[in-house]
């Protein structure tokens, strides 16, 4: 049996990673737990930070883990099953980027997705573990001292490409990291404006609308 061409496997990997990234754990977890749709309150962002505004730490934690896992699984799967068919590191890096883009612009939610922080970290932890750990550390440190999820996310996104460049130089992972970081920061434009105006909500602030059960 003739092996599938590498370009076909790479294309399938990128498409599969995008579809996996399009799965919104914020919406799924909220529905399963009988919570309001995260797109209906707070920032309207289907992500872990906004789900936390529902008052359910469990739902927020499950959302965080799910969104991070889908990025990690996308990269792991391509490395595990794609590389034997000729998919190189460029294909692996692009698949990780594709999963991240899927979270931002999910086909299942009419391309209206989250800001991608957890998925960004999940992809990084699998693509470049030390850079991923550093980005996670920066996020946690900033969150502890300032308690702004947006500031923590922007800081982690700013540090990641520099760490990748200084630690590993140029390579397939660097461009993917730069693009993900740029997109993540762009998705936080409104938050940046609110931070500068002193109106940004701190981590854990509960939304009144989130207390209402989801209406069908």
N, C-alpha and C. Protein backbone atom coordinates (compact mmCIF):
# COMPACT_ATOMS: atom_id res chain seq x y z
N UNK A 1 0.84 -1.20 0.00
CA UNK A 1 0.00 0.00 0.00
C UNK A 1 0.87 1.25 0.00
N UNK A 2 0.61 2.12 -0.95
CA UNK A 2 1.41 3.33 -1.08
C UNK A 2 1.08 4.33 0.02
N UNK A 3 2.12 4.89 0.63
CA UNK A 3 1.93 5.86 1.72
C UNK A 3 1.32 7.14 1.17
N UNK A 4 0.52 7.79 2.00
CA UNK A 4 -0.07 9.06 1.60
C UNK A 4 1.02 10.12 1.47
N UNK A 5 0.89 11.02 0.50
CA UNK A 5 1.90 12.07 0.35
C UNK A 5 1.91 12.99 1.56
N UNK A 6 3.09 13.51 1.89
CA UNK A 6 3.27 14.35 3.07
C UNK A 6 2.38 15.59 3.02
N UNK A 7 2.21 16.16 1.83
CA UNK A 7 1.41 17.39 1.73
C UNK A 7 -0.05 17.13 2.10
N UNK A 8 -0.55 15.93 1.75
CA UNK A 8 -1.93 15.59 2.07
C UNK A 8 -2.09 15.38 3.58
N UNK A 9 -1.12 14.72 4.18
CA UNK A 9 -1.16 14.50 5.63
C UNK A 9 -1.05 15.84 6.36
N UNK A 10 -0.18 16.72 5.88
CA UNK A 10 -0.01 18.03 6.50
C UNK A 10 -1.30 18.84 6.42
N UNK A 11 -1.94 18.81 5.24
CA UNK A 11 -3.20 19.55 5.06
C UNK A 11 -4.27 19.01 5.99
N UNK A 12 -4.38 17.68 6.08
CA UNK A 12 -5.37 17.07 6.96
C UNK A 12 -5.07 17.40 8.42
N UNK A 13 -3.78 17.45 8.77
CA UNK A 13 -3.39 17.77 10.15
C UNK A 13 -3.77 19.19 10.52
N UNK A 14 -3.53 20.10 9.60
CA UNK A 14 -3.85 21.51 9.86
C UNK A 14 -5.36 21.71 9.98
N UNK A 15 -6.11 21.08 9.10
CA UNK A 15 -7.57 21.17 9.15
C UNK A 15 -8.11 20.53 10.43
N UNK A 16 -7.58 19.36 10.77
CA UNK A 16 -8.01 18.69 12.00
C UNK A 16 -7.70 19.51 13.23
N UNK A 17 -6.53 20.14 13.25
CA UNK A 17 -6.14 20.99 14.38
C UNK A 17 -7.07 22.20 14.50
N UNK A 18 -7.43 22.77 13.37
CA UNK A 18 -8.36 23.92 13.38
C UNK A 18 -9.72 23.50 13.94
N UNK A 19 -10.23 22.36 13.49
CA UNK A 19 -11.53 21.89 13.97
C UNK A 19 -11.49 21.58 15.46
N UNK A 20 -10.40 21.00 15.92
CA UNK A 20 -10.26 20.73 17.35
C UNK A 20 -10.21 22.04 18.13
N UNK A 21 -9.47 23.02 17.60
CA UNK A 21 -9.41 24.32 18.25
C UNK A 21 -10.74 25.04 18.27
N UNK A 22 -11.62 24.71 17.34
CA UNK A 22 -12.93 25.36 17.25
C UNK A 22 -13.91 24.88 18.32
N UNK A 23 -13.58 23.79 18.99
CA UNK A 23 -14.45 23.28 20.06
C UNK A 23 -14.37 24.23 21.25
N UNK A 24 -15.50 24.79 21.65
CA UNK A 24 -15.54 25.76 22.75
C UNK A 24 -15.92 25.08 24.06
N UNK A 25 -14.93 24.88 24.91
CA UNK A 25 -15.20 24.24 26.21
C UNK A 25 -15.97 25.18 27.13
N UNK A 26 -15.85 26.49 26.92
CA UNK A 26 -16.60 27.44 27.74
C UNK A 26 -18.10 27.23 27.55
N UNK A 27 -18.52 27.08 26.31
CA UNK A 27 -19.92 26.88 26.00
C UNK A 27 -20.38 25.48 26.42
N UNK A 28 -19.56 24.48 26.13
CA UNK A 28 -19.92 23.09 26.47
C UNK A 28 -20.06 22.90 27.97
N UNK A 29 -19.04 23.34 28.72
CA UNK A 29 -19.06 23.18 30.18
C UNK A 29 -20.22 23.94 30.80
N UNK A 30 -20.46 25.16 30.31
CA UNK A 30 -21.56 25.96 30.86
C UNK A 30 -22.90 25.29 30.63
N UNK A 31 -23.10 24.73 29.46
CA UNK A 31 -24.36 24.03 29.17
C UNK A 31 -24.52 22.80 30.04
N UNK A 32 -23.45 22.02 30.18
CA UNK A 32 -23.52 20.80 30.97
C UNK A 32 -23.78 21.08 32.44
N UNK A 33 -23.29 22.24 32.92
CA UNK A 33 -23.45 22.58 34.33
C UNK A 33 -24.64 23.50 34.59
N UNK A 34 -25.45 23.75 33.54
CA UNK A 34 -26.65 24.56 33.70
C UNK A 34 -26.39 26.03 33.96
N UNK A 35 -25.24 26.52 33.50
CA UNK A 35 -24.89 27.93 33.68
C UNK A 35 -25.31 28.75 32.46
N UNK A 36 -25.33 30.06 32.64
CA UNK A 36 -25.64 30.95 31.52
C UNK A 36 -24.56 30.84 30.45
N UNK A 37 -24.94 31.04 29.22
CA UNK A 37 -23.99 31.03 28.11
C UNK A 37 -22.96 32.14 28.36
N UNK A 38 -21.67 31.84 28.36
CA UNK A 38 -20.65 32.85 28.65
C UNK A 38 -20.62 34.00 27.66
N UNK A 39 -21.26 33.81 26.52
CA UNK A 39 -21.32 34.89 25.54
C UNK A 39 -22.40 35.91 25.87
N UNK A 40 -23.18 35.63 26.94
CA UNK A 40 -24.31 36.49 27.29
C UNK A 40 -24.04 37.42 28.47
N UNK A 41 -22.83 37.37 29.02
CA UNK A 41 -22.53 38.22 30.18
C UNK A 41 -21.05 38.60 30.19
N UNK A 42 -20.72 39.50 31.11
CA UNK A 42 -19.33 39.93 31.24
C UNK A 42 -18.77 40.49 29.95
N UNK A 43 -17.62 39.97 29.55
CA UNK A 43 -16.98 40.42 28.31
C UNK A 43 -17.60 39.78 27.08
N UNK A 44 -18.44 38.75 27.30
CA UNK A 44 -19.02 38.03 26.18
C UNK A 44 -18.05 37.05 25.56
N UNK A 45 -16.90 36.89 26.19
CA UNK A 45 -15.85 36.03 25.66
C UNK A 45 -16.02 34.59 26.14
N UNK A 46 -16.09 33.62 25.23
CA UNK A 46 -16.21 32.23 25.63
C UNK A 46 -14.87 31.65 26.06
N UNK A 47 -14.44 32.06 27.25
CA UNK A 47 -13.16 31.61 27.78
C UNK A 47 -13.23 31.43 29.28
N UNK A 48 -12.18 30.88 29.86
CA UNK A 48 -12.18 30.53 31.29
C UNK A 48 -12.36 31.75 32.19
N UNK A 49 -11.72 32.87 31.87
CA UNK A 49 -11.82 34.05 32.72
C UNK A 49 -13.25 34.56 32.81
N UNK A 50 -13.94 34.55 31.68
CA UNK A 50 -15.33 35.02 31.69
C UNK A 50 -16.24 34.01 32.38
N UNK A 51 -15.97 32.72 32.19
CA UNK A 51 -16.76 31.69 32.86
C UNK A 51 -16.62 31.84 34.38
N UNK A 52 -15.45 32.27 34.84
CA UNK A 52 -15.25 32.48 36.27
C UNK A 52 -16.21 33.53 36.83
N UNK A 53 -16.63 34.45 35.96
CA UNK A 53 -17.59 35.48 36.40
C UNK A 53 -18.97 34.90 36.69
N UNK A 54 -19.18 33.65 36.31
CA UNK A 54 -20.44 33.00 36.63
C UNK A 54 -20.49 32.63 38.11
N UNK A 55 -19.33 32.66 38.75
CA UNK A 55 -19.24 32.29 40.15
C UNK A 55 -18.84 30.84 40.35
N UNK A 56 -18.73 30.08 39.28
CA UNK A 56 -18.37 28.67 39.37
C UNK A 56 -16.88 28.48 39.04
N UNK A 57 -16.09 28.26 40.08
CA UNK A 57 -14.66 28.02 39.88
C UNK A 57 -14.42 26.68 39.18
N UNK A 58 -15.28 25.72 39.44
CA UNK A 58 -15.15 24.41 38.80
C UNK A 58 -15.33 24.54 37.29
N UNK A 59 -16.37 25.27 36.89
CA UNK A 59 -16.62 25.46 35.46
C UNK A 59 -15.47 26.19 34.79
N UNK A 60 -14.93 27.20 35.47
CA UNK A 60 -13.81 27.95 34.92
C UNK A 60 -12.58 27.06 34.79
N UNK A 61 -12.34 26.23 35.81
CA UNK A 61 -11.18 25.34 35.77
C UNK A 61 -11.30 24.31 34.65
N UNK A 62 -12.50 23.75 34.49
CA UNK A 62 -12.72 22.78 33.43
C UNK A 62 -12.56 23.42 32.04
N UNK A 63 -13.02 24.65 31.92
CA UNK A 63 -12.86 25.37 30.66
C UNK A 63 -11.40 25.62 30.36
N UNK A 64 -10.66 26.06 31.38
CA UNK A 64 -9.23 26.31 31.23
C UNK A 64 -8.50 25.05 30.79
N UNK A 65 -8.77 23.95 31.47
CA UNK A 65 -8.11 22.68 31.15
C UNK A 65 -8.47 22.20 29.75
N UNK A 66 -9.75 22.32 29.39
CA UNK A 66 -10.19 21.88 28.07
C UNK A 66 -9.56 22.69 26.96
N UNK A 67 -9.54 24.00 27.11
CA UNK A 67 -8.99 24.87 26.07
C UNK A 67 -7.48 24.69 25.93
N UNK A 68 -6.80 24.46 27.06
CA UNK A 68 -5.35 24.22 27.00
C UNK A 68 -5.08 22.84 26.39
N UNK A 69 -5.88 21.85 26.79
CA UNK A 69 -5.67 20.49 26.30
C UNK A 69 -5.85 20.37 24.80
N UNK A 70 -6.83 21.09 24.24
CA UNK A 70 -7.06 20.94 22.80
C UNK A 70 -5.85 21.47 21.99
N UNK A 71 -5.21 22.52 22.50
CA UNK A 71 -4.00 23.01 21.84
C UNK A 71 -2.86 22.03 21.96
N UNK A 72 -2.71 21.45 23.16
CA UNK A 72 -1.65 20.48 23.39
C UNK A 72 -1.87 19.21 22.58
N UNK A 73 -3.10 18.73 22.55
CA UNK A 73 -3.42 17.50 21.83
C UNK A 73 -3.20 17.67 20.33
N UNK A 74 -3.55 18.84 19.81
CA UNK A 74 -3.36 19.09 18.37
C UNK A 74 -1.89 18.94 17.98
N UNK A 75 -1.01 19.54 18.78
CA UNK A 75 0.43 19.45 18.49
C UNK A 75 0.94 18.03 18.70
N UNK A 76 0.55 17.42 19.81
CA UNK A 76 1.01 16.06 20.11
C UNK A 76 0.58 15.08 19.02
N UNK A 77 -0.66 15.18 18.58
CA UNK A 77 -1.19 14.24 17.59
C UNK A 77 -0.44 14.34 16.27
N UNK A 78 -0.13 15.57 15.85
CA UNK A 78 0.59 15.72 14.58
C UNK A 78 2.01 15.19 14.71
N UNK A 79 2.65 15.44 15.84
CA UNK A 79 4.00 14.90 16.06
C UNK A 79 3.97 13.37 16.11
N UNK A 80 2.96 12.83 16.75
CA UNK A 80 2.90 11.38 16.95
C UNK A 80 2.51 10.63 15.68
N UNK A 81 1.53 11.15 14.96
CA UNK A 81 1.00 10.42 13.82
C UNK A 81 1.37 11.03 12.47
N UNK A 82 1.72 12.32 12.44
CA UNK A 82 2.03 12.96 11.17
C UNK A 82 3.49 12.84 10.76
N UNK A 83 4.39 12.93 11.74
CA UNK A 83 5.82 12.88 11.43
C UNK A 83 6.21 11.59 10.70
N UNK A 84 5.68 10.42 11.08
CA UNK A 84 6.03 9.20 10.32
C UNK A 84 5.63 9.25 8.85
N UNK A 85 4.69 10.13 8.51
CA UNK A 85 4.26 10.27 7.12
C UNK A 85 4.96 11.44 6.41
N UNK A 86 5.98 11.99 7.06
CA UNK A 86 6.77 13.03 6.42
C UNK A 86 6.42 14.46 6.82
N UNK A 87 5.52 14.63 7.79
CA UNK A 87 5.21 15.97 8.26
C UNK A 87 6.37 16.46 9.12
N UNK A 88 6.97 17.58 8.74
CA UNK A 88 8.12 18.11 9.46
C UNK A 88 7.72 19.06 10.57
N UNK A 89 8.73 19.71 11.16
CA UNK A 89 8.47 20.64 12.26
C UNK A 89 7.65 21.84 11.82
N UNK A 90 7.78 22.23 10.54
CA UNK A 90 6.94 23.32 10.05
C UNK A 90 5.47 22.91 10.10
N UNK A 91 5.19 21.68 9.70
CA UNK A 91 3.82 21.19 9.74
C UNK A 91 3.28 21.11 11.16
N UNK A 92 4.13 20.69 12.09
CA UNK A 92 3.74 20.60 13.50
C UNK A 92 3.44 22.00 14.05
N UNK A 93 4.34 22.95 13.75
CA UNK A 93 4.16 24.32 14.24
C UNK A 93 2.90 24.97 13.66
N UNK A 94 2.66 24.75 12.37
CA UNK A 94 1.48 25.33 11.73
C UNK A 94 0.21 24.69 12.28
N UNK A 95 0.27 23.41 12.61
CA UNK A 95 -0.89 22.75 13.21
C UNK A 95 -1.22 23.37 14.56
N UNK A 96 -0.19 23.66 15.36
CA UNK A 96 -0.41 24.33 16.63
C UNK A 96 -1.03 25.70 16.45
N UNK A 97 -0.51 26.44 15.48
CA UNK A 97 -1.07 27.75 15.16
C UNK A 97 -2.51 27.61 14.70
N UNK A 98 -2.79 26.58 13.91
CA UNK A 98 -4.14 26.35 13.40
C UNK A 98 -5.13 26.08 14.52
N UNK A 99 -4.72 25.31 15.53
CA UNK A 99 -5.59 25.05 16.68
C UNK A 99 -5.89 26.34 17.42
N UNK A 100 -4.89 27.19 17.55
CA UNK A 100 -5.06 28.49 18.21
C UNK A 100 -6.03 29.37 17.43
N UNK A 101 -5.86 29.41 16.11
CA UNK A 101 -6.75 30.20 15.26
C UNK A 101 -8.17 29.64 15.33
N UNK A 102 -8.29 28.32 15.45
CA UNK A 102 -9.61 27.72 15.59
C UNK A 102 -10.33 28.21 16.83
N UNK A 103 -9.59 28.41 17.91
CA UNK A 103 -10.21 28.94 19.13
C UNK A 103 -10.66 30.38 18.93
N UNK A 104 -9.85 31.16 18.24
CA UNK A 104 -10.21 32.57 18.01
C UNK A 104 -11.38 32.71 17.04
N UNK A 105 -11.38 31.89 16.01
CA UNK A 105 -12.39 31.99 14.96
C UNK A 105 -13.02 30.61 14.71
N UNK A 106 -13.79 30.11 15.67
CA UNK A 106 -14.33 28.75 15.57
C UNK A 106 -15.48 28.63 14.57
N UNK A 107 -15.37 27.66 13.71
CA UNK A 107 -16.41 27.44 12.72
C UNK A 107 -17.74 27.08 13.39
N UNK A 108 -17.67 26.46 14.57
CA UNK A 108 -18.89 26.02 15.26
C UNK A 108 -19.63 27.16 15.96
N UNK A 109 -18.97 28.32 16.11
CA UNK A 109 -19.59 29.47 16.77
C UNK A 109 -19.62 30.68 15.84
N UNK A 110 -19.77 30.41 14.57
CA UNK A 110 -19.84 31.47 13.55
C UNK A 110 -18.61 32.37 13.60
N UNK A 111 -17.47 31.79 13.88
CA UNK A 111 -16.17 32.46 13.88
C UNK A 111 -16.03 33.53 14.97
N UNK A 112 -16.87 33.43 16.00
CA UNK A 112 -16.81 34.37 17.13
C UNK A 112 -16.31 33.61 18.36
N UNK A 113 -14.99 33.57 18.53
CA UNK A 113 -14.41 32.77 19.60
C UNK A 113 -13.81 33.57 20.73
N UNK A 114 -12.98 32.90 21.50
CA UNK A 114 -12.36 33.52 22.67
C UNK A 114 -11.06 34.24 22.33
N UNK A 115 -10.33 34.57 23.36
CA UNK A 115 -9.09 35.31 23.17
C UNK A 115 -7.87 34.41 23.07
N UNK A 116 -8.05 33.14 23.42
CA UNK A 116 -7.04 32.14 23.10
C UNK A 116 -5.92 31.94 24.09
N UNK A 117 -6.03 32.48 25.30
CA UNK A 117 -4.91 32.42 26.24
C UNK A 117 -4.58 30.98 26.63
N UNK A 118 -5.60 30.22 27.07
CA UNK A 118 -5.35 28.84 27.50
C UNK A 118 -4.86 27.98 26.34
N UNK A 119 -5.45 28.15 25.17
CA UNK A 119 -5.02 27.39 23.99
C UNK A 119 -3.60 27.76 23.58
N UNK A 120 -3.29 29.04 23.66
CA UNK A 120 -1.94 29.54 23.39
C UNK A 120 -0.92 28.84 24.29
N UNK A 121 -1.23 28.78 25.59
CA UNK A 121 -0.31 28.14 26.53
C UNK A 121 -0.23 26.64 26.30
N UNK A 122 -1.37 26.01 25.98
CA UNK A 122 -1.37 24.58 25.70
C UNK A 122 -0.52 24.23 24.49
N UNK A 123 -0.64 25.04 23.44
CA UNK A 123 0.18 24.83 22.23
C UNK A 123 1.66 25.01 22.56
N UNK A 124 1.98 26.09 23.28
CA UNK A 124 3.38 26.37 23.61
C UNK A 124 3.99 25.28 24.47
N UNK A 125 3.24 24.81 25.46
CA UNK A 125 3.77 23.78 26.36
C UNK A 125 4.13 22.50 25.62
N UNK A 126 3.49 22.26 24.49
CA UNK A 126 3.78 21.06 23.72
C UNK A 126 4.80 21.33 22.61
N UNK A 127 4.71 22.50 21.99
CA UNK A 127 5.66 22.86 20.94
C UNK A 127 7.05 23.11 21.52
N UNK A 128 7.10 23.92 22.56
CA UNK A 128 8.36 24.35 23.17
C UNK A 128 8.16 24.43 24.68
N UNK A 129 8.28 23.30 25.39
CA UNK A 129 7.90 23.22 26.80
C UNK A 129 8.50 24.29 27.71
N UNK A 130 9.79 24.58 27.55
CA UNK A 130 10.41 25.57 28.44
C UNK A 130 9.83 26.96 28.21
N UNK A 131 9.57 27.30 26.96
CA UNK A 131 8.94 28.60 26.66
C UNK A 131 7.52 28.62 27.20
N UNK A 132 6.82 27.51 27.05
CA UNK A 132 5.46 27.42 27.59
C UNK A 132 5.44 27.57 29.09
N UNK A 133 6.38 26.93 29.79
CA UNK A 133 6.46 27.05 31.25
C UNK A 133 6.78 28.48 31.66
N UNK A 134 7.67 29.12 30.91
CA UNK A 134 8.02 30.51 31.22
C UNK A 134 6.80 31.41 31.04
N UNK A 135 6.06 31.21 29.95
CA UNK A 135 4.86 32.01 29.69
C UNK A 135 3.83 31.80 30.79
N UNK A 136 3.66 30.54 31.22
CA UNK A 136 2.74 30.26 32.32
C UNK A 136 3.19 30.96 33.60
N UNK A 137 4.50 30.92 33.85
CA UNK A 137 5.04 31.57 35.04
C UNK A 137 4.80 33.07 35.04
N UNK A 138 5.00 33.68 33.88
CA UNK A 138 4.77 35.12 33.75
C UNK A 138 3.30 35.45 34.00
N UNK A 139 2.42 34.61 33.43
CA UNK A 139 0.98 34.84 33.61
C UNK A 139 0.61 34.77 35.09
N UNK A 140 1.08 33.75 35.76
CA UNK A 140 0.75 33.56 37.19
C UNK A 140 1.32 34.69 38.03
N UNK A 141 2.55 35.07 37.76
CA UNK A 141 3.20 36.15 38.53
C UNK A 141 2.44 37.46 38.39
N UNK A 142 2.10 37.80 37.16
CA UNK A 142 1.37 39.05 36.92
C UNK A 142 -0.02 39.00 37.55
N UNK A 143 -0.66 37.82 37.49
CA UNK A 143 -2.00 37.67 38.07
C UNK A 143 -1.97 37.83 39.58
N UNK A 144 -0.95 37.28 40.22
CA UNK A 144 -0.83 37.36 41.68
C UNK A 144 -0.63 38.80 42.13
N UNK A 145 0.22 39.53 41.40
CA UNK A 145 0.55 40.89 41.82
C UNK A 145 -0.48 41.93 41.40
N UNK A 146 -1.08 41.76 40.21
CA UNK A 146 -1.96 42.80 39.69
C UNK A 146 -3.43 42.37 39.58
N UNK A 147 -3.69 41.06 39.51
CA UNK A 147 -5.04 40.51 39.46
C UNK A 147 -5.84 40.95 38.22
N UNK A 148 -5.14 41.17 37.14
CA UNK A 148 -5.80 41.45 35.86
C UNK A 148 -5.45 40.33 34.89
N UNK A 149 -6.44 39.56 34.48
CA UNK A 149 -6.18 38.45 33.55
C UNK A 149 -5.65 38.96 32.22
N UNK A 150 -6.18 40.09 31.78
CA UNK A 150 -5.75 40.64 30.49
C UNK A 150 -4.29 41.06 30.51
N UNK A 151 -3.87 41.73 31.58
CA UNK A 151 -2.48 42.16 31.71
C UNK A 151 -1.55 40.95 31.79
N UNK A 152 -1.98 39.93 32.51
CA UNK A 152 -1.20 38.70 32.62
C UNK A 152 -1.04 38.05 31.25
N UNK A 153 -2.12 38.00 30.49
CA UNK A 153 -2.10 37.36 29.17
C UNK A 153 -1.23 38.13 28.19
N UNK A 154 -1.34 39.43 28.19
CA UNK A 154 -0.54 40.27 27.29
C UNK A 154 0.94 40.13 27.62
N UNK A 155 1.25 40.09 28.91
CA UNK A 155 2.65 39.95 29.34
C UNK A 155 3.22 38.60 28.90
N UNK A 156 2.45 37.53 29.08
CA UNK A 156 2.90 36.20 28.66
C UNK A 156 3.12 36.15 27.15
N UNK A 157 2.21 36.77 26.41
CA UNK A 157 2.32 36.79 24.95
C UNK A 157 3.54 37.59 24.49
N UNK A 158 3.87 38.64 25.21
CA UNK A 158 5.02 39.47 24.83
C UNK A 158 6.34 38.76 25.11
N UNK A 159 6.37 37.97 26.18
CA UNK A 159 7.61 37.30 26.59
C UNK A 159 7.92 36.07 25.72
N UNK A 160 6.88 35.34 25.31
CA UNK A 160 7.07 34.06 24.63
C UNK A 160 7.96 34.12 23.38
N UNK A 161 7.71 35.02 22.42
CA UNK A 161 8.56 35.03 21.22
C UNK A 161 10.02 35.38 21.54
N UNK A 162 10.21 36.30 22.47
CA UNK A 162 11.58 36.68 22.85
C UNK A 162 12.31 35.49 23.48
N UNK A 163 11.61 34.78 24.35
CA UNK A 163 12.21 33.60 24.99
C UNK A 163 12.55 32.53 23.95
N UNK A 164 11.65 32.34 23.00
CA UNK A 164 11.89 31.35 21.94
C UNK A 164 13.10 31.73 21.10
N UNK A 165 13.21 33.01 20.78
CA UNK A 165 14.33 33.49 19.96
C UNK A 165 15.65 33.36 20.70
N UNK A 166 15.68 33.80 21.96
CA UNK A 166 16.92 33.79 22.72
C UNK A 166 17.35 32.36 23.09
N UNK A 167 16.37 31.50 23.35
CA UNK A 167 16.71 30.15 23.77
C UNK A 167 16.97 29.18 22.64
N UNK A 168 16.26 29.35 21.53
CA UNK A 168 16.35 28.35 20.45
C UNK A 168 16.61 28.95 19.08
N UNK A 169 16.66 30.25 18.99
CA UNK A 169 16.97 30.89 17.72
C UNK A 169 15.85 30.76 16.70
N UNK A 170 16.20 30.96 15.45
CA UNK A 170 15.21 30.89 14.38
C UNK A 170 14.87 29.44 14.07
N UNK A 171 13.64 29.21 13.73
CA UNK A 171 13.17 27.87 13.42
C UNK A 171 11.67 27.91 13.23
N UNK A 172 11.05 26.80 12.88
CA UNK A 172 9.61 26.78 12.60
C UNK A 172 8.75 27.27 13.76
N UNK A 173 9.17 27.00 15.00
CA UNK A 173 8.34 27.36 16.16
C UNK A 173 8.29 28.87 16.37
N UNK A 174 9.36 29.57 16.04
CA UNK A 174 9.41 31.01 16.29
C UNK A 174 8.34 31.78 15.52
N UNK A 175 8.20 31.60 14.20
CA UNK A 175 7.15 32.34 13.49
C UNK A 175 5.75 32.03 14.01
N UNK A 176 5.50 30.75 14.35
CA UNK A 176 4.19 30.38 14.89
C UNK A 176 3.95 31.09 16.22
N UNK A 177 4.98 31.16 17.05
CA UNK A 177 4.85 31.83 18.34
C UNK A 177 4.61 33.33 18.16
N UNK A 178 5.30 33.94 17.23
CA UNK A 178 5.13 35.37 16.97
C UNK A 178 3.70 35.66 16.51
N UNK A 179 3.20 34.85 15.57
CA UNK A 179 1.85 35.08 15.05
C UNK A 179 0.81 34.89 16.15
N UNK A 180 0.95 33.82 16.95
CA UNK A 180 0.00 33.59 18.04
C UNK A 180 0.03 34.73 19.05
N UNK A 181 1.22 35.19 19.41
CA UNK A 181 1.36 36.28 20.37
C UNK A 181 0.73 37.56 19.85
N UNK A 182 0.98 37.86 18.57
CA UNK A 182 0.42 39.07 17.97
C UNK A 182 -1.11 39.01 17.94
N UNK A 183 -1.65 37.87 17.56
CA UNK A 183 -3.11 37.72 17.52
C UNK A 183 -3.71 37.83 18.92
N UNK A 184 -3.04 37.23 19.90
CA UNK A 184 -3.54 37.28 21.27
C UNK A 184 -3.58 38.72 21.78
N UNK A 185 -2.52 39.46 21.52
CA UNK A 185 -2.48 40.86 21.96
C UNK A 185 -3.54 41.68 21.24
N UNK A 186 -3.72 41.42 19.95
CA UNK A 186 -4.75 42.13 19.18
C UNK A 186 -6.14 41.86 19.74
N UNK A 187 -6.37 40.63 20.20
CA UNK A 187 -7.68 40.29 20.76
C UNK A 187 -7.93 40.99 22.10
N UNK A 188 -6.87 41.56 22.66
CA UNK A 188 -7.00 42.25 23.95
C UNK A 188 -7.00 43.77 23.80
N UNK A 189 -7.28 44.27 22.60
CA UNK A 189 -7.26 45.72 22.39
C UNK A 189 -8.24 46.45 23.31
N UNK A 190 -9.44 45.90 23.44
CA UNK A 190 -10.44 46.53 24.31
C UNK A 190 -9.98 46.51 25.75
N UNK A 191 -9.36 45.41 26.16
CA UNK A 191 -8.86 45.30 27.53
C UNK A 191 -7.73 46.29 27.79
N UNK A 192 -6.89 46.49 26.78
CA UNK A 192 -5.80 47.46 26.93
C UNK A 192 -6.36 48.86 27.17
N UNK A 193 -7.40 49.21 26.40
CA UNK A 193 -8.05 50.51 26.57
C UNK A 193 -8.65 50.64 27.97
N UNK A 194 -9.28 49.55 28.45
CA UNK A 194 -9.88 49.59 29.78
C UNK A 194 -8.83 49.65 30.87
N UNK A 195 -7.70 48.99 30.67
CA UNK A 195 -6.60 49.07 31.63
C UNK A 195 -6.09 50.49 31.74
N UNK A 196 -5.91 51.13 30.60
CA UNK A 196 -5.40 52.51 30.58
C UNK A 196 -6.40 53.47 31.21
N UNK A 197 -7.70 53.14 31.09
CA UNK A 197 -8.74 54.00 31.66
C UNK A 197 -9.06 53.65 33.11
N UNK A 198 -8.42 52.58 33.61
CA UNK A 198 -8.68 52.16 34.99
C UNK A 198 -10.03 51.50 35.17
N UNK A 199 -10.58 50.93 34.10
CA UNK A 199 -11.92 50.34 34.16
C UNK A 199 -11.91 48.82 33.98
N UNK A 200 -10.74 48.22 33.89
CA UNK A 200 -10.68 46.78 33.67
C UNK A 200 -11.09 46.02 34.94
N UNK A 201 -11.87 44.95 34.74
CA UNK A 201 -12.30 44.12 35.87
C UNK A 201 -11.18 43.21 36.33
N UNK A 202 -11.10 43.00 37.62
CA UNK A 202 -10.07 42.13 38.16
C UNK A 202 -10.55 40.68 38.15
N UNK A 203 -9.60 39.76 38.28
CA UNK A 203 -9.91 38.33 38.27
C UNK A 203 -10.89 38.00 39.40
N UNK A 204 -11.94 37.28 39.06
CA UNK A 204 -12.90 36.85 40.07
C UNK A 204 -14.11 37.74 40.22
N UNK A 205 -14.11 38.90 39.54
CA UNK A 205 -15.27 39.79 39.62
C UNK A 205 -16.47 39.10 38.99
N UNK A 206 -17.57 39.02 39.73
CA UNK A 206 -18.74 38.29 39.26
C UNK A 206 -19.68 39.18 38.48
N UNK A 207 -20.23 38.65 37.40
CA UNK A 207 -21.20 39.39 36.59
C UNK A 207 -22.61 39.05 37.06
N UNK A 208 -23.44 40.06 37.21
CA UNK A 208 -24.83 39.83 37.67
C UNK A 208 -25.60 38.97 36.68
N UNK A 209 -25.35 39.20 35.39
CA UNK A 209 -26.07 38.44 34.36
C UNK A 209 -25.72 36.97 34.39
N UNK A 210 -24.52 36.66 34.86
CA UNK A 210 -24.07 35.27 34.87
C UNK A 210 -24.82 34.44 35.90
N UNK A 211 -25.41 35.10 36.85
CA UNK A 211 -26.13 34.37 37.89
C UNK A 211 -27.45 33.80 37.38
N UNK A 212 -27.92 34.32 36.25
CA UNK A 212 -29.19 33.87 35.69
C UNK A 212 -28.97 32.57 34.91
N UNK A 213 -29.84 31.60 35.04
CA UNK A 213 -29.69 30.36 34.27
C UNK A 213 -29.84 30.62 32.79
N UNK A 214 -29.21 29.78 32.01
CA UNK A 214 -29.27 29.94 30.57
C UNK A 214 -30.67 29.68 30.05
N UNK A 215 -31.15 30.60 29.20
CA UNK A 215 -32.49 30.48 28.65
C UNK A 215 -32.43 29.76 27.30
N UNK A 216 -33.37 28.86 27.09
CA UNK A 216 -33.41 28.12 25.83
C UNK A 216 -34.50 28.68 24.94
